[in-house]
């Protein structure tokens, strides 16, 4: 489980990316790479990482659900995810 500070930092980075998204798009379209370099480092979407919304785990995270494979299995077995059940054939 990742630390609370790591999860909070990633939330801050996500907010920064969202804040500068349109400006980055305009600067890239005009070819103003000096302007891009003046933006904060955290404004780049490549700084983001997928984290599990429940545990903060970084590996094995399903992008659509934002849940790690471990928590997905637990919730599915408990019947808390609609339409999902263990395969049996």
N, C-alpha and C. Protein backbone atom coordinates (compact mmCIF):
# COMPACT_ATOMS: atom_id res chain seq x y z
N UNK A 1 0.85 -1.18 0.00
CA UNK A 1 0.00 0.00 0.00
C UNK A 1 0.89 1.24 0.00
N UNK A 2 0.62 2.14 -0.93
CA UNK A 2 1.45 3.33 -0.99
C UNK A 2 1.05 4.31 0.11
N UNK A 3 1.97 5.21 0.39
CA UNK A 3 1.74 6.15 1.48
C UNK A 3 0.70 7.19 1.09
N UNK A 4 0.12 7.80 2.10
CA UNK A 4 -0.89 8.83 1.86
C UNK A 4 -0.28 10.02 1.13
N UNK A 5 0.97 10.31 1.44
CA UNK A 5 1.62 11.46 0.80
C UNK A 5 1.78 11.22 -0.70
N UNK A 6 2.05 9.98 -1.10
CA UNK A 6 2.19 9.67 -2.52
C UNK A 6 0.87 9.84 -3.24
N UNK A 7 -0.20 9.37 -2.63
CA UNK A 7 -1.52 9.49 -3.24
C UNK A 7 -1.91 10.96 -3.34
N UNK A 8 -1.64 11.74 -2.31
CA UNK A 8 -1.97 13.17 -2.33
C UNK A 8 -1.14 13.90 -3.38
N UNK A 9 0.13 13.53 -3.52
CA UNK A 9 0.98 14.16 -4.52
C UNK A 9 0.44 13.88 -5.92
N UNK A 10 -0.02 12.66 -6.16
CA UNK A 10 -0.56 12.33 -7.48
C UNK A 10 -1.86 13.09 -7.75
N UNK A 11 -2.65 13.33 -6.71
CA UNK A 11 -3.86 14.13 -6.89
C UNK A 11 -3.48 15.56 -7.28
N UNK A 12 -2.43 16.08 -6.64
CA UNK A 12 -1.97 17.43 -6.96
C UNK A 12 -1.46 17.50 -8.39
N UNK A 13 -0.71 16.48 -8.81
CA UNK A 13 -0.20 16.44 -10.19
C UNK A 13 -1.37 16.38 -11.16
N UNK A 14 -2.40 15.58 -10.85
CA UNK A 14 -3.57 15.48 -11.72
C UNK A 14 -4.26 16.83 -11.85
N UNK A 15 -4.38 17.56 -10.76
CA UNK A 15 -4.99 18.90 -10.80
C UNK A 15 -4.16 19.84 -11.67
N UNK A 16 -2.83 19.76 -11.56
CA UNK A 16 -1.95 20.61 -12.36
C UNK A 16 -2.07 20.28 -13.84
N UNK A 17 -2.13 19.01 -14.16
CA UNK A 17 -2.27 18.59 -15.56
C UNK A 17 -3.58 19.14 -16.13
N UNK A 18 -4.67 19.01 -15.37
CA UNK A 18 -5.96 19.51 -15.83
C UNK A 18 -5.95 21.02 -16.01
N UNK A 19 -5.26 21.72 -15.12
CA UNK A 19 -5.21 23.18 -15.16
C UNK A 19 -4.52 23.68 -16.43
N UNK A 20 -3.44 23.02 -16.84
CA UNK A 20 -2.64 23.49 -17.97
C UNK A 20 -2.93 22.75 -19.27
N UNK A 21 -3.94 21.89 -19.31
CA UNK A 21 -4.20 21.07 -20.49
C UNK A 21 -4.41 21.91 -21.76
N UNK A 22 -5.31 22.89 -21.70
CA UNK A 22 -5.62 23.71 -22.88
C UNK A 22 -4.42 24.56 -23.30
N UNK A 23 -3.72 25.13 -22.34
CA UNK A 23 -2.56 25.95 -22.65
C UNK A 23 -1.47 25.12 -23.32
N UNK A 24 -1.25 23.91 -22.82
CA UNK A 24 -0.26 23.01 -23.43
C UNK A 24 -0.64 22.69 -24.87
N UNK A 25 -1.94 22.45 -25.08
CA UNK A 25 -2.42 22.12 -26.42
C UNK A 25 -2.15 23.28 -27.39
N UNK A 26 -2.41 24.51 -26.93
CA UNK A 26 -2.18 25.69 -27.78
C UNK A 26 -0.70 25.88 -28.06
N UNK A 27 0.13 25.74 -27.04
CA UNK A 27 1.57 25.93 -27.22
C UNK A 27 2.16 24.88 -28.16
N UNK A 28 1.69 23.64 -28.05
CA UNK A 28 2.19 22.59 -28.93
C UNK A 28 1.75 22.82 -30.37
N UNK A 29 0.51 23.30 -30.55
CA UNK A 29 0.00 23.55 -31.90
C UNK A 29 0.77 24.67 -32.58
N UNK A 30 1.16 25.69 -31.81
CA UNK A 30 1.90 26.81 -32.39
C UNK A 30 3.40 26.54 -32.48
N UNK A 31 3.86 25.47 -31.85
CA UNK A 31 5.28 25.12 -31.91
C UNK A 31 6.13 25.92 -30.95
N UNK A 32 5.53 26.50 -29.94
CA UNK A 32 6.25 27.32 -28.96
C UNK A 32 6.83 26.42 -27.86
N UNK A 33 7.96 25.82 -28.15
CA UNK A 33 8.56 24.88 -27.20
C UNK A 33 9.22 25.60 -26.03
N UNK A 34 9.61 26.83 -26.22
CA UNK A 34 10.14 27.61 -25.10
C UNK A 34 9.03 27.89 -24.09
N UNK A 35 7.83 28.16 -24.59
CA UNK A 35 6.69 28.37 -23.71
C UNK A 35 6.32 27.11 -22.96
N UNK A 36 6.43 25.97 -23.63
CA UNK A 36 6.18 24.69 -22.97
C UNK A 36 7.19 24.46 -21.85
N UNK A 37 8.42 24.84 -22.09
CA UNK A 37 9.47 24.63 -21.10
C UNK A 37 9.26 25.50 -19.86
N UNK A 38 8.56 26.62 -20.02
CA UNK A 38 8.31 27.52 -18.89
C UNK A 38 7.17 27.03 -17.99
N UNK A 39 6.37 26.09 -18.49
CA UNK A 39 5.28 25.56 -17.67
C UNK A 39 5.84 24.71 -16.54
N UNK A 40 5.07 24.50 -15.49
CA UNK A 40 5.54 23.64 -14.40
C UNK A 40 5.80 22.22 -14.90
N UNK A 41 6.72 21.57 -14.28
CA UNK A 41 7.08 20.21 -14.67
C UNK A 41 5.90 19.25 -14.50
N UNK A 42 5.11 19.49 -13.46
CA UNK A 42 3.97 18.61 -13.20
C UNK A 42 2.80 18.85 -14.15
N UNK A 43 2.91 19.80 -15.07
CA UNK A 43 1.83 20.06 -16.02
C UNK A 43 1.83 19.03 -17.15
N UNK A 44 2.87 18.24 -17.25
CA UNK A 44 2.95 17.23 -18.31
C UNK A 44 2.18 15.98 -17.92
N UNK A 45 1.33 15.46 -18.81
CA UNK A 45 0.56 14.26 -18.47
C UNK A 45 1.42 13.01 -18.31
N UNK A 46 2.65 13.03 -18.76
CA UNK A 46 3.51 11.86 -18.59
C UNK A 46 3.94 11.69 -17.14
N UNK A 47 3.70 12.68 -16.31
CA UNK A 47 4.05 12.57 -14.89
C UNK A 47 3.01 11.78 -14.10
N UNK A 48 1.87 11.51 -14.73
CA UNK A 48 0.80 10.80 -14.04
C UNK A 48 1.08 9.30 -14.00
N UNK A 49 0.52 8.67 -13.01
CA UNK A 49 0.64 7.22 -12.86
C UNK A 49 -0.72 6.69 -12.41
N UNK A 50 -1.09 5.52 -12.89
CA UNK A 50 -2.37 4.94 -12.49
C UNK A 50 -2.25 4.36 -11.08
N UNK A 51 -3.14 4.80 -10.21
CA UNK A 51 -3.18 4.31 -8.83
C UNK A 51 -4.54 3.71 -8.56
N UNK A 52 -4.56 2.67 -7.74
CA UNK A 52 -5.82 2.09 -7.29
C UNK A 52 -6.51 3.11 -6.38
N UNK A 53 -7.79 3.32 -6.62
CA UNK A 53 -8.53 4.31 -5.83
C UNK A 53 -8.74 3.86 -4.39
N UNK A 54 -8.66 2.56 -4.15
CA UNK A 54 -8.91 2.03 -2.81
C UNK A 54 -7.65 1.85 -1.98
N UNK A 55 -6.58 1.38 -2.62
CA UNK A 55 -5.37 1.03 -1.87
C UNK A 55 -4.16 1.89 -2.21
N UNK A 56 -4.17 2.54 -3.37
CA UNK A 56 -3.01 3.31 -3.79
C UNK A 56 -1.97 2.47 -4.51
N UNK A 57 -2.30 1.21 -4.78
CA UNK A 57 -1.38 0.32 -5.47
C UNK A 57 -1.17 0.80 -6.91
N UNK A 58 0.07 0.69 -7.42
CA UNK A 58 0.37 1.19 -8.75
C UNK A 58 0.38 0.11 -9.82
N UNK A 59 0.60 -1.11 -9.43
CA UNK A 59 0.69 -2.18 -10.43
C UNK A 59 -0.60 -2.97 -10.48
N UNK A 60 -0.92 -3.45 -11.66
CA UNK A 60 -2.12 -4.27 -11.82
C UNK A 60 -3.40 -3.50 -11.64
N UNK A 61 -3.44 -2.26 -12.14
CA UNK A 61 -4.62 -1.42 -11.98
C UNK A 61 -5.41 -1.42 -13.29
N UNK A 62 -6.70 -1.74 -13.21
CA UNK A 62 -7.57 -1.68 -14.37
C UNK A 62 -7.94 -0.21 -14.60
N UNK A 63 -7.63 0.29 -15.78
CA UNK A 63 -7.79 1.71 -16.06
C UNK A 63 -9.24 2.17 -15.97
N UNK A 64 -10.14 1.39 -16.55
CA UNK A 64 -11.54 1.80 -16.55
C UNK A 64 -12.11 1.90 -15.14
N UNK A 65 -11.78 0.95 -14.31
CA UNK A 65 -12.35 0.89 -12.96
C UNK A 65 -11.52 1.64 -11.93
N UNK A 66 -10.25 1.88 -12.23
CA UNK A 66 -9.30 2.50 -11.31
C UNK A 66 -9.17 1.69 -10.02
N UNK A 67 -9.22 0.37 -10.18
CA UNK A 67 -9.11 -0.56 -9.05
C UNK A 67 -8.04 -1.59 -9.39
N UNK A 68 -7.26 -1.97 -8.39
CA UNK A 68 -6.23 -2.98 -8.63
C UNK A 68 -6.88 -4.35 -8.79
N UNK A 69 -6.14 -5.26 -9.38
CA UNK A 69 -6.65 -6.61 -9.66
C UNK A 69 -7.05 -7.32 -8.37
N UNK A 70 -6.34 -7.04 -7.29
CA UNK A 70 -6.62 -7.71 -6.02
C UNK A 70 -7.95 -7.24 -5.45
N UNK A 71 -8.15 -5.92 -5.42
CA UNK A 71 -9.41 -5.38 -4.91
C UNK A 71 -10.58 -5.72 -5.83
N UNK A 72 -10.32 -5.78 -7.14
CA UNK A 72 -11.36 -6.16 -8.08
C UNK A 72 -11.86 -7.56 -7.77
N UNK A 73 -10.95 -8.47 -7.52
CA UNK A 73 -11.32 -9.85 -7.20
C UNK A 73 -12.11 -9.91 -5.89
N UNK A 74 -11.64 -9.20 -4.88
CA UNK A 74 -12.33 -9.20 -3.59
C UNK A 74 -13.76 -8.66 -3.72
N UNK A 75 -13.90 -7.53 -4.41
CA UNK A 75 -15.22 -6.92 -4.56
C UNK A 75 -16.14 -7.79 -5.41
N UNK A 76 -15.58 -8.43 -6.44
CA UNK A 76 -16.39 -9.30 -7.29
C UNK A 76 -16.89 -10.51 -6.51
N UNK A 77 -16.03 -11.09 -5.69
CA UNK A 77 -16.44 -12.26 -4.91
C UNK A 77 -17.48 -11.90 -3.85
N UNK A 78 -17.43 -10.67 -3.36
CA UNK A 78 -18.43 -10.21 -2.39
C UNK A 78 -19.73 -9.79 -3.07
N UNK A 79 -19.73 -9.72 -4.40
CA UNK A 79 -20.92 -9.34 -5.13
C UNK A 79 -21.18 -7.85 -5.14
N UNK A 80 -20.15 -7.05 -4.93
CA UNK A 80 -20.32 -5.59 -4.85
C UNK A 80 -20.14 -4.90 -6.20
N UNK A 81 -19.75 -5.65 -7.23
CA UNK A 81 -19.63 -5.08 -8.57
C UNK A 81 -20.76 -5.68 -9.41
N UNK A 82 -21.72 -4.86 -9.84
CA UNK A 82 -22.88 -5.38 -10.57
C UNK A 82 -22.46 -6.08 -11.86
N UNK A 83 -23.05 -7.24 -12.09
CA UNK A 83 -22.82 -7.97 -13.33
C UNK A 83 -21.54 -8.77 -13.37
N UNK A 84 -20.76 -8.75 -12.32
CA UNK A 84 -19.49 -9.47 -12.32
C UNK A 84 -19.57 -10.63 -11.35
N UNK A 85 -19.18 -11.80 -11.86
CA UNK A 85 -19.14 -12.98 -11.01
C UNK A 85 -18.02 -13.88 -11.47
N UNK A 86 -17.68 -14.81 -10.65
CA UNK A 86 -16.58 -15.72 -10.95
C UNK A 86 -16.97 -16.63 -12.11
N UNK A 87 -16.03 -16.82 -13.03
CA UNK A 87 -16.30 -17.65 -14.20
C UNK A 87 -16.41 -19.11 -13.80
N UNK A 88 -17.36 -19.79 -14.41
CA UNK A 88 -17.53 -21.22 -14.16
C UNK A 88 -18.16 -21.84 -15.41
N UNK A 89 -17.49 -22.83 -15.98
CA UNK A 89 -18.04 -23.50 -17.15
C UNK A 89 -17.71 -24.95 -17.17
